[in-house]
């Protein structure tokens, strides 16, 4: 990732698919290097290993990304328009 790029992170698969972001990249990084660092750390609390949320927290805490304020507007589902989240 390059400084200034926008980023959305996703995890899981349907029906548990979720995303976080958008984020703005504040300094260059590769996911390979970040994941290696996060996976090298022991789990904490109930976790016996690193989980995807740990990657997001690491990126935020170490100054790699910042949250970009935005509004989500849901346009509908199953072929029907049903706008939610907008004025």
C-alpha atoms as a PDB file:
ATOM      1  CA  UNK A   1       0.000   0.000   0.000  1.00  0.00           C
ATOM      2  CA  UNK A   2       1.202   3.479  -0.819  1.00  0.00           C
ATOM      3  CA  UNK A   3       0.794   6.655   1.207  1.00  0.00           C
ATOM      4  CA  UNK A   4      -2.465   8.420   0.361  1.00  0.00           C
ATOM      5  CA  UNK A   5      -4.297   5.371  -1.005  1.00  0.00           C
ATOM      6  CA  UNK A   6      -7.743   4.503   0.314  1.00  0.00           C
ATOM      7  CA  UNK A   7      -8.296   1.071   1.811  1.00  0.00           C
ATOM      8  CA  UNK A   8     -11.241  -1.092   2.850  1.00  0.00           C
ATOM      9  CA  UNK A   9     -10.477  -4.298   4.738  1.00  0.00           C
ATOM     10  CA  UNK A  10     -12.770  -7.324   4.593  1.00  0.00           C
ATOM     11  CA  UNK A  11     -13.014 -10.616   6.455  1.00  0.00           C
ATOM     12  CA  UNK A  12     -15.013 -13.827   6.417  1.00  0.00           C
ATOM     13  CA  UNK A  13     -17.329 -15.190   3.754  1.00  0.00           C
ATOM     14  CA  UNK A  14     -21.031 -15.002   3.043  1.00  0.00           C
ATOM     15  CA  UNK A  15     -23.128 -14.744   5.206  1.00  0.00           C
ATOM     16  CA  UNK A  16     -20.515 -13.499   7.710  1.00  0.00           C
ATOM     17  CA  UNK A  17     -18.698 -11.201   5.252  1.00  0.00           C
ATOM     18  CA  UNK A  18     -17.871  -7.878   6.847  1.00  0.00           C
ATOM     19  CA  UNK A  19     -15.670  -4.899   6.092  1.00  0.00           C
ATOM     20  CA  UNK A  20     -14.033  -2.038   7.950  1.00  0.00           C
ATOM     21  CA  UNK A  21     -12.952   1.308   6.661  1.00  0.00           C
ATOM     22  CA  UNK A  22     -12.445   3.244   4.607  1.00  0.00           C
ATOM     23  CA  UNK A  23      -8.975   4.109   5.791  1.00  0.00           C
ATOM     24  CA  UNK A  24      -6.310   6.411   4.360  1.00  0.00           C
ATOM     25  CA  UNK A  25      -2.802   4.976   4.214  1.00  0.00           C
ATOM     26  CA  UNK A  26      -0.405   7.261   6.098  1.00  0.00           C
ATOM     27  CA  UNK A  27       2.845   5.448   5.328  1.00  0.00           C
ATOM     28  CA  UNK A  28       3.853   2.758   2.837  1.00  0.00           C
ATOM     29  CA  UNK A  29       3.584  -0.895   3.865  1.00  0.00           C
ATOM     30  CA  UNK A  30       2.980  -4.369   2.520  1.00  0.00           C
ATOM     31  CA  UNK A  31       0.479  -6.747   4.021  1.00  0.00           C
ATOM     32  CA  UNK A  32       3.123  -9.474   4.031  1.00  0.00           C
ATOM     33  CA  UNK A  33       5.287  -7.503   6.475  1.00  0.00           C
ATOM     34  CA  UNK A  34       2.369  -6.424   8.675  1.00  0.00           C
ATOM     35  CA  UNK A  35       0.850  -9.915   8.877  1.00  0.00           C
ATOM     36  CA  UNK A  36       4.272 -11.396   9.751  1.00  0.00           C
ATOM     37  CA  UNK A  37       4.618  -8.988  12.684  1.00  0.00           C
ATOM     38  CA  UNK A  38       1.061  -9.518  13.934  1.00  0.00           C
ATOM     39  CA  UNK A  39       1.246 -13.323  13.645  1.00  0.00           C
ATOM     40  CA  UNK A  40       4.534 -13.376  15.561  1.00  0.00           C
ATOM     41  CA  UNK A  41       2.807 -11.953  18.637  1.00  0.00           C
ATOM     42  CA  UNK A  42       1.087 -14.291  21.063  1.00  0.00           C
ATOM     43  CA  UNK A  43      -2.683 -14.160  21.431  1.00  0.00           C
ATOM     44  CA  UNK A  44      -4.118 -12.219  24.323  1.00  0.00           C
ATOM     45  CA  UNK A  45      -7.107 -12.861  26.533  1.00  0.00           C
ATOM     46  CA  UNK A  46      -9.393 -15.476  25.020  1.00  0.00           C
ATOM     47  CA  UNK A  47      -7.429 -15.601  21.761  1.00  0.00           C
ATOM     48  CA  UNK A  48      -4.761 -18.277  21.358  1.00  0.00           C
ATOM     49  CA  UNK A  49      -3.508 -16.691  18.121  1.00  0.00           C
ATOM     50  CA  UNK A  50      -3.712 -13.443  16.167  1.00  0.00           C
ATOM     51  CA  UNK A  51      -7.017 -12.751  14.402  1.00  0.00           C
ATOM     52  CA  UNK A  52      -7.890 -10.367  11.513  1.00  0.00           C
ATOM     53  CA  UNK A  53      -8.990  -7.589  13.892  1.00  0.00           C
ATOM     54  CA  UNK A  54      -5.442  -7.593  15.307  1.00  0.00           C
ATOM     55  CA  UNK A  55      -4.132  -6.535  11.883  1.00  0.00           C
ATOM     56  CA  UNK A  56      -6.498  -3.557  11.795  1.00  0.00           C
ATOM     57  CA  UNK A  57      -5.595  -2.511  15.341  1.00  0.00           C
ATOM     58  CA  UNK A  58      -1.880  -2.807  14.591  1.00  0.00           C
ATOM     59  CA  UNK A  59      -2.199  -0.660  11.465  1.00  0.00           C
ATOM     60  CA  UNK A  60      -4.113   2.011  13.414  1.00  0.00           C
ATOM     61  CA  UNK A  61      -1.917   1.945  16.525  1.00  0.00           C
ATOM     62  CA  UNK A  62       1.340   2.071  14.571  1.00  0.00           C
ATOM     63  CA  UNK A  63       0.202   4.997  12.413  1.00  0.00           C
ATOM     64  CA  UNK A  64      -0.110   3.143   9.106  1.00  0.00           C
ATOM     65  CA  UNK A  65      -3.768   4.046   8.550  1.00  0.00           C
ATOM     66  CA  UNK A  66      -6.399   6.527   9.699  1.00  0.00           C
ATOM     67  CA  UNK A  67     -10.175   6.287   9.521  1.00  0.00           C
ATOM     68  CA  UNK A  68     -11.777   8.342   6.750  1.00  0.00           C
ATOM     69  CA  UNK A  69     -15.249   9.570   7.759  1.00  0.00           C
ATOM     70  CA  UNK A  70     -17.917   8.460   5.321  1.00  0.00           C
ATOM     71  CA  UNK A  71     -21.585   7.557   5.024  1.00  0.00           C
ATOM     72  CA  UNK A  72     -22.839   4.138   4.000  1.00  0.00           C
ATOM     73  CA  UNK A  73     -26.011   4.133   1.923  1.00  0.00           C
ATOM     74  CA  UNK A  74     -27.681   0.752   1.393  1.00  0.00           C
ATOM     75  CA  UNK A  75     -29.453   0.761  -1.980  1.00  0.00           C
ATOM     76  CA  UNK A  76     -31.491  -2.394  -1.478  1.00  0.00           C
ATOM     77  CA  UNK A  77     -31.278  -6.148  -1.857  1.00  0.00           C
ATOM     78  CA  UNK A  78     -32.641  -9.035  -3.890  1.00  0.00           C
ATOM     79  CA  UNK A  79     -33.373  -6.755  -6.848  1.00  0.00           C
ATOM     80  CA  UNK A  80     -35.480  -4.229  -4.914  1.00  0.00           C
ATOM     81  CA  UNK A  81     -34.498  -0.603  -4.330  1.00  0.00           C
ATOM     82  CA  UNK A  82     -34.883   0.233  -0.644  1.00  0.00           C
ATOM     83  CA  UNK A  83     -32.585   3.115   0.256  1.00  0.00           C
ATOM     84  CA  UNK A  84     -31.462   3.237   3.886  1.00  0.00           C
ATOM     85  CA  UNK A  85     -28.894   5.475   5.568  1.00  0.00           C
ATOM     86  CA  UNK A  86     -29.380   8.603   3.475  1.00  0.00           C
ATOM     87  CA  UNK A  87     -31.403  11.739   4.011  1.00  0.00           C
END
